[in-house]
C-alpha atoms as a PDB file:
ATOM      1  CA  MET A   1      -0.029   0.017  -0.005  1.00  0.00           C
ATOM      2  CA  ALA A   2       1.987   2.980  -1.280  1.00  0.00           C
ATOM      3  CA  THR A   3       1.532   5.949   1.048  1.00  0.00           C
ATOM      4  CA  THR A   4      -0.935   8.504  -0.146  1.00  0.00           C
ATOM      5  CA  ALA A   5       0.063  12.175  -0.662  1.00  0.00           C
ATOM      6  CA  ARG A   6      -2.054  13.645   2.096  1.00  0.00           C
ATOM      7  CA  PRO A   7      -1.201  16.123   4.853  1.00  0.00           C
ATOM      8  CA  ARG A   8       0.196  14.509   8.004  1.00  0.00           C
ATOM      9  CA  ARG A   9       1.821  17.624   9.493  1.00  0.00           C
ATOM     10  CA  SER A  10       0.103  17.196  12.916  1.00  0.00           C
ATOM     11  CA  VAL A  11      -1.218  13.904  14.245  1.00  0.00           C
ATOM     12  CA  LEU A  12      -2.723  14.185  17.695  1.00  0.00           C
ATOM     13  CA  TYR A  13      -3.087  11.396  20.294  1.00  0.00           C
ATOM     14  CA  MET A  14      -6.597  11.383  21.806  1.00  0.00           C
ATOM     15  CA  PRO A  15      -7.495   9.093  24.763  1.00  0.00           C
ATOM     16  CA  GLY A  16     -10.209   6.686  23.735  1.00  0.00           C
ATOM     17  CA  SER A  17     -11.596   6.638  27.292  1.00  0.00           C
ATOM     18  CA  ASN A  18     -12.452  10.363  27.182  1.00  0.00           C
ATOM     19  CA  PRO A  19     -15.665  11.040  25.248  1.00  0.00           C
ATOM     20  CA  ARG A  20     -15.218  14.819  25.556  1.00  0.00           C
ATOM     21  CA  ALA A  21     -11.770  14.560  23.929  1.00  0.00           C
ATOM     22  CA  LEU A  22     -13.202  12.438  21.086  1.00  0.00           C
ATOM     23  CA  GLU A  23     -15.887  15.066  20.531  1.00  0.00           C
ATOM     24  CA  LYS A  24     -13.403  17.986  20.698  1.00  0.00           C
ATOM     25  CA  ALA A  25     -11.182  16.255  18.151  1.00  0.00           C
ATOM     26  CA  ARG A  26     -13.828  16.947  15.484  1.00  0.00           C
ATOM     27  CA  THR A  27     -13.112  20.678  15.792  1.00  0.00           C
ATOM     28  CA  LEU A  28      -9.298  20.681  15.927  1.00  0.00           C
ATOM     29  CA  ALA A  29      -7.004  21.717  13.034  1.00  0.00           C
ATOM     30  CA  ALA A  30      -4.934  18.472  13.257  1.00  0.00           C
ATOM     31  CA  ASP A  31      -4.319  16.614   9.968  1.00  0.00           C
ATOM     32  CA  GLY A  32      -4.732  13.295  11.750  1.00  0.00           C
ATOM     33  CA  LEU A  33      -5.840  11.702  15.020  1.00  0.00           C
ATOM     34  CA  ILE A  34      -4.635   8.656  16.885  1.00  0.00           C
ATOM     35  CA  LEU A  35      -7.595   7.380  18.888  1.00  0.00           C
ATOM     36  CA  ASP A  36      -5.728   5.622  21.636  1.00  0.00           C
ATOM     37  CA  LEU A  37      -6.772   2.390  23.357  1.00  0.00           C
ATOM     38  CA  GLU A  38      -3.299   1.623  24.656  1.00  0.00           C
ATOM     39  CA  ASP A  39      -1.108   3.863  26.865  1.00  0.00           C
ATOM     40  CA  ALA A  40      -3.728   6.551  27.486  1.00  0.00           C
ATOM     41  CA  VAL A  41      -6.273   4.113  28.862  1.00  0.00           C
ATOM     42  CA  ALA A  42      -6.294   2.409  32.288  1.00  0.00           C
ATOM     43  CA  PRO A  43      -6.815  -1.372  32.320  1.00  0.00           C
ATOM     44  CA  ASP A  44     -10.258  -1.167  33.874  1.00  0.00           C
ATOM     45  CA  ALA A  45     -11.381   1.280  31.159  1.00  0.00           C
ATOM     46  CA  LYS A  46     -10.105  -0.668  28.133  1.00  0.00           C
ATOM     47  CA  GLU A  47     -13.365  -2.211  26.977  1.00  0.00           C
ATOM     48  CA  GLU A  48     -15.412   0.937  27.442  1.00  0.00           C
ATOM     49  CA  ALA A  49     -12.776   2.938  25.545  1.00  0.00           C
ATOM     50  CA  ARG A  50     -12.958   0.473  22.665  1.00  0.00           C
ATOM     51  CA  ARG A  51     -16.692   0.924  22.443  1.00  0.00           C
ATOM     52  CA  GLN A  52     -16.473   4.668  22.643  1.00  0.00           C
ATOM     53  CA  VAL A  53     -13.829   4.840  19.876  1.00  0.00           C
ATOM     54  CA  VAL A  54     -15.811   2.610  17.548  1.00  0.00           C
ATOM     55  CA  ASP A  55     -18.948   4.620  18.175  1.00  0.00           C
ATOM     56  CA  ALA A  56     -17.141   7.905  17.580  1.00  0.00           C
ATOM     57  CA  VAL A  57     -15.616   6.878  14.297  1.00  0.00           C
ATOM     58  CA  GLN A  58     -18.880   5.410  13.071  1.00  0.00           C
ATOM     59  CA  ALA A  59     -20.734   8.597  14.043  1.00  0.00           C
ATOM     60  CA  GLY A  60     -18.373  10.549  11.760  1.00  0.00           C
ATOM     61  CA  GLY A  61     -17.858  14.309  11.826  1.00  0.00           C
ATOM     62  CA  TYR A  62     -14.062  14.131  11.571  1.00  0.00           C
ATOM     63  CA  GLY A  63     -13.918  15.538   8.064  1.00  0.00           C
ATOM     64  CA  ALA A  64     -10.737  14.973   6.116  1.00  0.00           C
ATOM     65  CA  ARG A  65      -8.726  14.092   9.190  1.00  0.00           C
ATOM     66  CA  GLU A  66      -6.825  10.729   8.936  1.00  0.00           C
ATOM     67  CA  LEU A  67      -8.056   8.459  11.727  1.00  0.00           C
ATOM     68  CA  LEU A  68      -5.803   5.810  13.255  1.00  0.00           C
ATOM     69  CA  VAL A  69      -6.883   3.521  16.094  1.00  0.00           C
ATOM     70  CA  ARG A  70      -3.997   2.525  18.281  1.00  0.00           C
ATOM     71  CA  VAL A  71      -4.851  -0.908  19.651  1.00  0.00           C
ATOM     72  CA  ASN A  72      -3.347  -2.833  22.530  1.00  0.00           C
ATOM     73  CA  SER A  73      -0.714  -5.420  21.902  1.00  0.00           C
ATOM     74  CA  LEU A  74      -1.956  -8.850  20.845  1.00  0.00           C
ATOM     75  CA  ALA A  75      -0.100 -10.209  23.883  1.00  0.00           C
ATOM     76  CA  THR A  76      -2.583  -8.374  26.195  1.00  0.00           C
ATOM     77  CA  PRO A  77      -6.089  -9.468  27.123  1.00  0.00           C
ATOM     78  CA  TRP A  78      -7.545  -6.664  24.896  1.00  0.00           C
ATOM     79  CA  GLY A  79      -5.409  -6.687  21.720  1.00  0.00           C
ATOM     80  CA  GLN A  80      -7.327  -9.153  19.578  1.00  0.00           C
ATOM     81  CA  ALA A  81     -10.727  -7.685  20.448  1.00  0.00           C
ATOM     82  CA  ASP A  82      -9.362  -4.181  19.756  1.00  0.00           C
ATOM     83  CA  VAL A  83      -8.259  -5.138  16.253  1.00  0.00           C
ATOM     84  CA  ALA A  84     -11.520  -7.022  15.530  1.00  0.00           C
ATOM     85  CA  ALA A  85     -13.589  -4.021  16.586  1.00  0.00           C
ATOM     86  CA  ALA A  86     -11.453  -1.429  14.781  1.00  0.00           C
ATOM     87  CA  ALA A  87     -11.285  -3.447  11.572  1.00  0.00           C
ATOM     88  CA  ALA A  88     -14.788  -2.450  10.362  1.00  0.00           C
ATOM     89  CA  CYS A  89     -15.342   0.789  12.262  1.00  0.00           C
ATOM     90  CA  GLY A  90     -14.441   3.059   9.381  1.00  0.00           C
ATOM     91  CA  ALA A  91     -11.016   4.330  10.554  1.00  0.00           C
ATOM     92  CA  ASP A  92      -8.244   4.762   7.965  1.00  0.00           C
ATOM     93  CA  ALA A  93      -5.766   2.557   9.825  1.00  0.00           C
ATOM     94  CA  ILE A  94      -4.923   0.381  12.805  1.00  0.00           C
ATOM     95  CA  LEU A  95      -1.799   1.398  14.683  1.00  0.00           C
ATOM     96  CA  ILE A  96       0.050  -1.490  16.373  1.00  0.00           C
ATOM     97  CA  PRO A  97       2.265  -0.664  19.459  1.00  0.00           C
ATOM     98  CA  LYS A  98       5.809  -1.813  19.981  1.00  0.00           C
ATOM     99  CA  VAL A  99       6.165  -3.777  16.724  1.00  0.00           C
ATOM    100  CA  GLU A 100       9.331  -5.918  16.601  1.00  0.00           C
ATOM    101  CA  SER A 101       8.642  -8.374  13.781  1.00  0.00           C
ATOM    102  CA  ALA A 102       6.845  -8.930  10.507  1.00  0.00           C
ATOM    103  CA  ASP A 103       4.903 -11.745  12.180  1.00  0.00           C
ATOM    104  CA  THR A 104       3.122  -9.254  14.462  1.00  0.00           C
ATOM    105  CA  VAL A 105       1.934  -7.290  11.422  1.00  0.00           C
ATOM    106  CA  ARG A 106       0.716 -10.473   9.694  1.00  0.00           C
ATOM    107  CA  GLN A 107      -1.188 -11.576  12.800  1.00  0.00           C
ATOM    108  CA  VAL A 108      -2.997  -8.262  12.909  1.00  0.00           C
ATOM    109  CA  GLU A 109      -3.628  -8.432   9.150  1.00  0.00           C
ATOM    110  CA  ALA A 110      -5.238 -11.843   9.567  1.00  0.00           C
ATOM    111  CA  ILE A 111      -7.561 -10.639  12.341  1.00  0.00           C
ATOM    112  CA  MET A 112      -8.509  -7.586  10.223  1.00  0.00           C
ATOM    113  CA  ALA A 113      -9.377  -9.787   7.258  1.00  0.00           C
ATOM    114  CA  ALA A 114     -11.457 -12.099   9.380  1.00  0.00           C
ATOM    115  CA  ASN A 115     -13.443  -9.133  10.713  1.00  0.00           C
ATOM    116  CA  GLY A 116     -14.269  -7.367   7.455  1.00  0.00           C
ATOM    117  CA  ALA A 117     -11.586  -4.763   7.193  1.00  0.00           C
ATOM    118  CA  PRO A 118     -11.900  -2.992   3.845  1.00  0.00           C
ATOM    119  CA  ALA A 119      -9.018  -3.365   1.362  1.00  0.00           C
ATOM    120  CA  GLN A 120      -7.972   0.261   1.780  1.00  0.00           C
ATOM    121  CA  MET A 121      -7.578   0.050   5.549  1.00  0.00           C
ATOM    122  CA  ALA A 122      -3.896   0.348   6.408  1.00  0.00           C
ATOM    123  CA  ILE A 123      -1.704  -0.970   9.120  1.00  0.00           C
ATOM    124  CA  TRP A 124       0.683   1.397  10.862  1.00  0.00           C
ATOM    125  CA  CYS A 125       3.425   0.415  13.303  1.00  0.00           C
ATOM    126  CA  MET A 126       4.799   2.092  16.418  1.00  0.00           C
ATOM    127  CA  MET A 127       8.581   1.848  16.179  1.00  0.00           C
ATOM    128  CA  GLU A 128       9.783   2.204  19.770  1.00  0.00           C
ATOM    129  CA  THR A 129      12.179  -0.582  20.752  1.00  0.00           C
ATOM    130  CA  PRO A 130      15.779  -1.502  19.849  1.00  0.00           C
ATOM    131  CA  ARG A 131      14.596  -4.759  18.263  1.00  0.00           C
ATOM    132  CA  GLY A 132      12.068  -2.878  16.178  1.00  0.00           C
ATOM    133  CA  MET A 133      14.785  -0.535  14.904  1.00  0.00           C
ATOM    134  CA  LEU A 134      16.924  -3.458  13.827  1.00  0.00           C
ATOM    135  CA  ARG A 135      14.037  -5.042  11.996  1.00  0.00           C
ATOM    136  CA  ALA A 136      12.632  -1.872  10.413  1.00  0.00           C
ATOM    137  CA  GLU A 137      13.061  -3.063   6.819  1.00  0.00           C
ATOM    138  CA  GLU A 138      11.454  -6.448   7.571  1.00  0.00           C
ATOM    139  CA  ILE A 139       8.491  -4.711   9.189  1.00  0.00           C
ATOM    140  CA  ALA A 140       8.117  -2.168   6.391  1.00  0.00           C
ATOM    141  CA  GLY A 141       7.826  -4.884   3.812  1.00  0.00           C
ATOM    142  CA  SER A 142       5.688  -7.235   5.889  1.00  0.00           C
ATOM    143  CA  SER A 143       2.248  -6.622   4.343  1.00  0.00           C
ATOM    144  CA  PRO A 144       0.568  -4.859   1.439  1.00  0.00           C
ATOM    145  CA  ARG A 145      -1.534  -3.088   4.059  1.00  0.00           C
ATOM    146  CA  MET A 146       1.474  -1.329   5.571  1.00  0.00           C
ATOM    147  CA  GLY A 147       0.914   2.407   5.523  1.00  0.00           C
ATOM    148  CA  GLY A 148       3.426   4.003   7.840  1.00  0.00           C
ATOM    149  CA  PHE A 149       5.702   4.176  10.865  1.00  0.00           C
ATOM    150  CA  VAL A 150       5.096   6.254  14.022  1.00  0.00           C
ATOM    151  CA  MET A 151       8.233   6.834  16.087  1.00  0.00           C
ATOM    152  CA  GLY A 152       7.861   6.116  19.816  1.00  0.00           C
ATOM    153  CA  THR A 153      10.891   8.111  20.906  1.00  0.00           C
ATOM    154  CA  SER A 154      10.065   8.251  24.647  1.00  0.00           C
ATOM    155  CA  ASP A 155       9.979   4.494  25.083  1.00  0.00           C
ATOM    156  CA  LEU A 156      12.952   4.157  22.783  1.00  0.00           C
ATOM    157  CA  ALA A 157      15.008   6.463  24.950  1.00  0.00           C
ATOM    158  CA  LYS A 158      14.192   4.367  28.038  1.00  0.00           C
ATOM    159  CA  ASP A 159      15.200   1.131  26.279  1.00  0.00           C
ATOM    160  CA  LEU A 160      18.441   2.635  24.919  1.00  0.00           C
ATOM    161  CA  HIS A 161      19.305   4.022  28.373  1.00  0.00           C
ATOM    162  CA  CYS A 162      20.113   7.233  26.556  1.00  0.00           C
ATOM    163  CA  ALA A 163      19.531  10.914  27.303  1.00  0.00           C
ATOM    164  CA  HIS A 164      16.558  12.598  25.585  1.00  0.00           C
ATOM    165  CA  THR A 165      18.565  15.627  24.454  1.00  0.00           C
ATOM    166  CA  ARG A 166      17.501  18.630  22.339  1.00  0.00           C
ATOM    167  CA  ASP A 167      19.346  17.346  19.302  1.00  0.00           C
ATOM    168  CA  ARG A 168      18.351  13.697  19.888  1.00  0.00           C
ATOM    169  CA  LEU A 169      21.806  12.565  18.849  1.00  0.00           C
ATOM    170  CA  PRO A 170      21.481   9.258  20.801  1.00  0.00           C
ATOM    171  CA  MET A 171      18.448   8.400  18.654  1.00  0.00           C
ATOM    172  CA  ILE A 172      19.592   9.628  15.230  1.00  0.00           C
ATOM    173  CA  THR A 173      20.594   6.119  14.128  1.00  0.00           C
ATOM    174  CA  SER A 174      17.195   4.717  15.090  1.00  0.00           C
ATOM    175  CA  LEU A 175      15.284   7.541  13.364  1.00  0.00           C
ATOM    176  CA  GLY A 176      17.439   7.114  10.246  1.00  0.00           C
ATOM    177  CA  LEU A 177      16.879   3.369  10.101  1.00  0.00           C
ATOM    178  CA  CYS A 178      13.107   3.790  10.206  1.00  0.00           C
ATOM    179  CA  LEU A 179      13.116   6.579   7.642  1.00  0.00           C
ATOM    180  CA  LEU A 180      15.261   4.498   5.270  1.00  0.00           C
ATOM    181  CA  ALA A 181      12.871   1.543   5.585  1.00  0.00           C
ATOM    182  CA  ALA A 182       9.772   3.715   5.231  1.00  0.00           C
ATOM    183  CA  ARG A 183      10.986   5.430   2.086  1.00  0.00           C
ATOM    184  CA  ALA A 184      12.285   2.232   0.569  1.00  0.00           C
ATOM    185  CA  TYR A 185       8.774   0.735   0.820  1.00  0.00           C
ATOM    186  CA  GLY A 186       6.777   3.899   0.098  1.00  0.00           C
ATOM    187  CA  LEU A 187       5.444   4.404   3.624  1.00  0.00           C
ATOM    188  CA  ALA A 188       4.675   7.499   5.619  1.00  0.00           C
ATOM    189  CA  ALA A 189       6.796   8.349   8.661  1.00  0.00           C
ATOM    190  CA  LEU A 190       5.718  10.407  11.660  1.00  0.00           C
ATOM    191  CA  ASP A 191       8.145  11.798  14.270  1.00  0.00           C
ATOM    192  CA  GLY A 192       7.768  11.103  17.954  1.00  0.00           C
ATOM    193  CA  VAL A 193       6.131  13.381  20.524  1.00  0.00           C
ATOM    194  CA  TYR A 194       7.711  16.332  22.382  1.00  0.00           C
ATOM    195  CA  LEU A 195       6.961  16.077  26.081  1.00  0.00           C
ATOM    196  CA  ASP A 196       7.615  19.527  27.501  1.00  0.00           C
ATOM    197  CA  LEU A 197       4.446  21.467  26.781  1.00  0.00           C
ATOM    198  CA  ASN A 198       5.913  24.595  28.354  1.00  0.00           C
ATOM    199  CA  ASP A 199       8.858  24.750  25.985  1.00  0.00           C
ATOM    200  CA  ASP A 200       7.451  26.296  22.758  1.00  0.00           C
ATOM    201  CA  ALA A 201      10.906  27.046  21.334  1.00  0.00           C
ATOM    202  CA  GLY A 202      12.045  23.466  21.981  1.00  0.00           C
ATOM    203  CA  PHE A 203       8.945  22.030  20.363  1.00  0.00           C
ATOM    204  CA  GLU A 204       9.453  24.136  17.229  1.00  0.00           C
ATOM    205  CA  TYR A 205      13.080  23.118  17.125  1.00  0.00           C
ATOM    206  CA  SER A 206      12.012  19.438  17.329  1.00  0.00           C
ATOM    207  CA  CYS A 207       9.560  19.923  14.467  1.00  0.00           C
ATOM    208  CA  THR A 208      12.163  21.646  12.304  1.00  0.00           C
ATOM    209  CA  GLN A 209      14.658  18.814  13.004  1.00  0.00           C
ATOM    210  CA  GLY A 210      12.015  16.236  12.118  1.00  0.00           C
ATOM    211  CA  LEU A 211      11.272  18.047   8.875  1.00  0.00           C
ATOM    212  CA  GLU A 212      14.961  18.216   7.946  1.00  0.00           C
ATOM    213  CA  LEU A 213      15.372  14.503   8.716  1.00  0.00           C
ATOM    214  CA  GLY A 214      12.546  13.705   6.297  1.00  0.00           C
ATOM    215  CA  PHE A 215       9.509  13.048   8.482  1.00  0.00           C
ATOM    216  CA  ASP A 216       6.039  13.831   7.082  1.00  0.00           C
ATOM    217  CA  GLY A 217       4.807  15.310  10.320  1.00  0.00           C
ATOM    218  CA  LYS A 218       4.844  15.041  14.108  1.00  0.00           C
ATOM    219  CA  THR A 219       2.808  13.162  16.639  1.00  0.00           C
ATOM    220  CA  LEU A 220       1.360  15.446  19.361  1.00  0.00           C
ATOM    221  CA  ILE A 221       0.035  15.110  22.928  1.00  0.00           C
ATOM    222  CA  HIS A 222      -1.779  18.483  23.218  1.00  0.00           C
ATOM    223  CA  PRO A 223      -3.882  20.596  20.906  1.00  0.00           C
ATOM    224  CA  LYS A 224      -1.829  23.716  21.758  1.00  0.00           C
ATOM    225  CA  THR A 225       0.996  22.370  19.575  1.00  0.00           C
ATOM    226  CA  ILE A 226      -1.082  21.816  16.418  1.00  0.00           C
ATOM    227  CA  ASP A 227      -0.570  25.210  14.861  1.00  0.00           C
ATOM    228  CA  ALA A 228       3.223  25.143  15.179  1.00  0.00           C
ATOM    229  CA  ALA A 229       3.472  21.673  13.708  1.00  0.00           C
ATOM    230  CA  ASN A 230       1.183  22.639  10.815  1.00  0.00           C
ATOM    231  CA  ARG A 231       3.292  25.684  10.096  1.00  0.00           C
ATOM    232  CA  VAL A 232       6.672  23.919  10.186  1.00  0.00           C
ATOM    233  CA  PHE A 233       5.655  20.840   8.171  1.00  0.00           C
ATOM    234  CA  ALA A 234       3.643  22.715   5.492  1.00  0.00           C
ATOM    235  CA  PRO A 235       5.421  23.101   2.137  1.00  0.00           C
ATOM    236  CA  ALA A 236       7.208  26.425   1.898  1.00  0.00           C
ATOM    237  CA  GLU A 237       5.817  28.896  -0.602  1.00  0.00           C
ATOM    238  CA  LYS A 238       9.103  28.975  -2.510  1.00  0.00           C
ATOM    239  CA  ASP A 239       9.041  25.169  -2.784  1.00  0.00           C
ATOM    240  CA  ILE A 240       5.466  25.252  -4.103  1.00  0.00           C
ATOM    241  CA  GLU A 241       6.318  27.805  -6.797  1.00  0.00           C
ATOM    242  CA  TRP A 242       9.455  25.903  -7.810  1.00  0.00           C
ATOM    243  CA  SER A 243       7.446  22.693  -7.989  1.00  0.00           C
ATOM    244  CA  LYS A 244       4.868  24.317 -10.232  1.00  0.00           C
ATOM    245  CA  LYS A 245       7.612  25.490 -12.550  1.00  0.00           C
ATOM    246  CA  ILE A 246       9.029  21.961 -12.743  1.00  0.00           C
ATOM    247  CA  ILE A 247       5.600  20.498 -13.521  1.00  0.00           C
ATOM    248  CA  ALA A 248       4.901  23.058 -16.216  1.00  0.00           C
ATOM    249  CA  ALA A 249       8.297  22.657 -17.800  1.00  0.00           C
ATOM    250  CA  HIS A 250       7.990  18.866 -17.813  1.00  0.00           C
ATOM    251  CA  ALA A 251       4.557  19.082 -19.510  1.00  0.00           C
ATOM    252  CA  GLU A 252       5.896  21.481 -22.181  1.00  0.00           C
ATOM    253  CA  ALA A 253       8.893  19.194 -22.855  1.00  0.00           C
ATOM    254  CA  ALA A 254       6.654  16.128 -23.112  1.00  0.00           C
ATOM    255  CA  ALA A 255       4.320  17.909 -25.537  1.00  0.00           C
ATOM    256  CA  ALA A 256       7.307  18.865 -27.669  1.00  0.00           C
ATOM    257  CA  GLY A 257       8.723  15.375 -27.636  1.00  0.00           C
ATOM    258  CA  LYS A 258      11.781  16.434 -25.665  1.00  0.00           C
ATOM    259  CA  GLY A 259      13.475  14.034 -23.293  1.00  0.00           C
ATOM    260  CA  VAL A 260      15.410  16.682 -21.369  1.00  0.00           C
ATOM    261  CA  VAL A 261      13.865  19.237 -19.070  1.00  0.00           C
ATOM    262  CA  VAL A 262      15.808  22.248 -17.810  1.00  0.00           C
ATOM    263  CA  VAL A 263      14.409  24.832 -15.412  1.00  0.00           C
ATOM    264  CA  ASP A 264      16.440  27.934 -14.580  1.00  0.00           C
ATOM    265  CA  GLY A 265      19.556  26.198 -15.814  1.00  0.00           C
ATOM    266  CA  LYS A 266      18.994  23.094 -13.694  1.00  0.00           C
ATOM    267  CA  LEU A 267      18.517  19.639 -15.265  1.00  0.00           C
ATOM    268  CA  ILE A 268      15.259  18.095 -13.983  1.00  0.00           C
ATOM    269  CA  GLU A 269      14.940  14.308 -13.582  1.00  0.00           C
ATOM    270  CA  ASN A 270      11.841  12.199 -13.158  1.00  0.00           C
ATOM    271  CA  LEU A 271      12.311  11.996  -9.421  1.00  0.00           C
ATOM    272  CA  HIS A 272      12.222  15.809  -9.259  1.00  0.00           C
ATOM    273  CA  VAL A 273       8.948  15.786 -11.172  1.00  0.00           C
ATOM    274  CA  GLU A 274       7.426  13.225  -8.835  1.00  0.00           C
ATOM    275  CA  ASN A 275       8.461  15.186  -5.746  1.00  0.00           C
ATOM    276  CA  ALA A 276       7.118  18.412  -7.300  1.00  0.00           C
ATOM    277  CA  ARG A 277       3.752  16.796  -7.861  1.00  0.00           C
ATOM    278  CA  ARG A 278       3.700  15.526  -4.284  1.00  0.00           C
ATOM    279  CA  ILE A 279       4.411  19.019  -2.899  1.00  0.00           C
ATOM    280  CA  VAL A 280       1.761  20.680  -5.061  1.00  0.00           C
ATOM    281  CA  ALA A 281      -0.766  17.935  -4.136  1.00  0.00           C
ATOM    282  CA  LEU A 282      -0.049  18.466  -0.405  1.00  0.00           C
ATOM    283  CA  SER A 283      -0.336  22.211  -0.792  1.00  0.00           C
ATOM    284  CA  ASP A 284      -3.702  21.873  -2.514  1.00  0.00           C
ATOM    285  CA  GLN A 285      -5.042  19.503   0.103  1.00  0.00           C
ATOM    286  CA  ILE A 286      -3.906  21.755   2.959  1.00  0.00           C
ATOM    287  CA  ALA A 287      -5.665  24.689   1.269  1.00  0.00           C
ATOM    288  CA  ALA A 288      -8.814  22.629   0.925  1.00  0.00           C
ATOM    289  CA  MET A 289      -8.807  21.730   4.659  1.00  0.00           C
ATOM    290  CA  ALA A 290      -8.405  25.332   5.792  1.00  0.00           C
END
């Protein structure tokens, strides 16, 4: 399942056990929502949260926002029922926590198929353990339903016994491995959360670093950070204009039967054209969501 060119600048975690949060999410400017049945939900609230998330998705009202349901691990008492319930609820994807092997993805895929998941429903994977990092390529290619990776940098830092520094140097190798695997298999990739809600400058720095590394957007834990993520991860105006020039020049060259495209003295290859189309498509969709 090649990743779609859709905005994923800001993807906000929402606790599935909080009906007010699920309602409020319909009004927020986030590009996507992770309706969480895992970390954000206490054990005694798991089953009620599952019902609430399914009901909320089926009720609709989320507009063009991408909806991911983060289920509990299949190793827990709730995992299989979570996947079965989410499979036909109408969400865009199921997000599996702490994925460390292709087998986990295939097990979830089998449960989805047995419970009526539509063909377009994707599987996303939380990448948050050392074993997961080392098997990123295997996981990325595990299923045609694979849609993307979500970095779990907080849990990863704990497992690595590393400092969670501003520059995230202890995690750069892990981030790079997941980005390489995601791009090799045409998947989306979302950066991990930033935990200090009082550090606006630090949050923006983290978004900028994620953008420069190649992430499509950032996962968020509070609505107050949506605007900054949307601003940082949106295509820059200069990039949009340059992309439009590339697309126009390529069309003119094709119409004239020319195999070489040059824009402002720069040779343009097919990959440049594909990237230009992606940028313009994202820009158009962002404008439509405004």
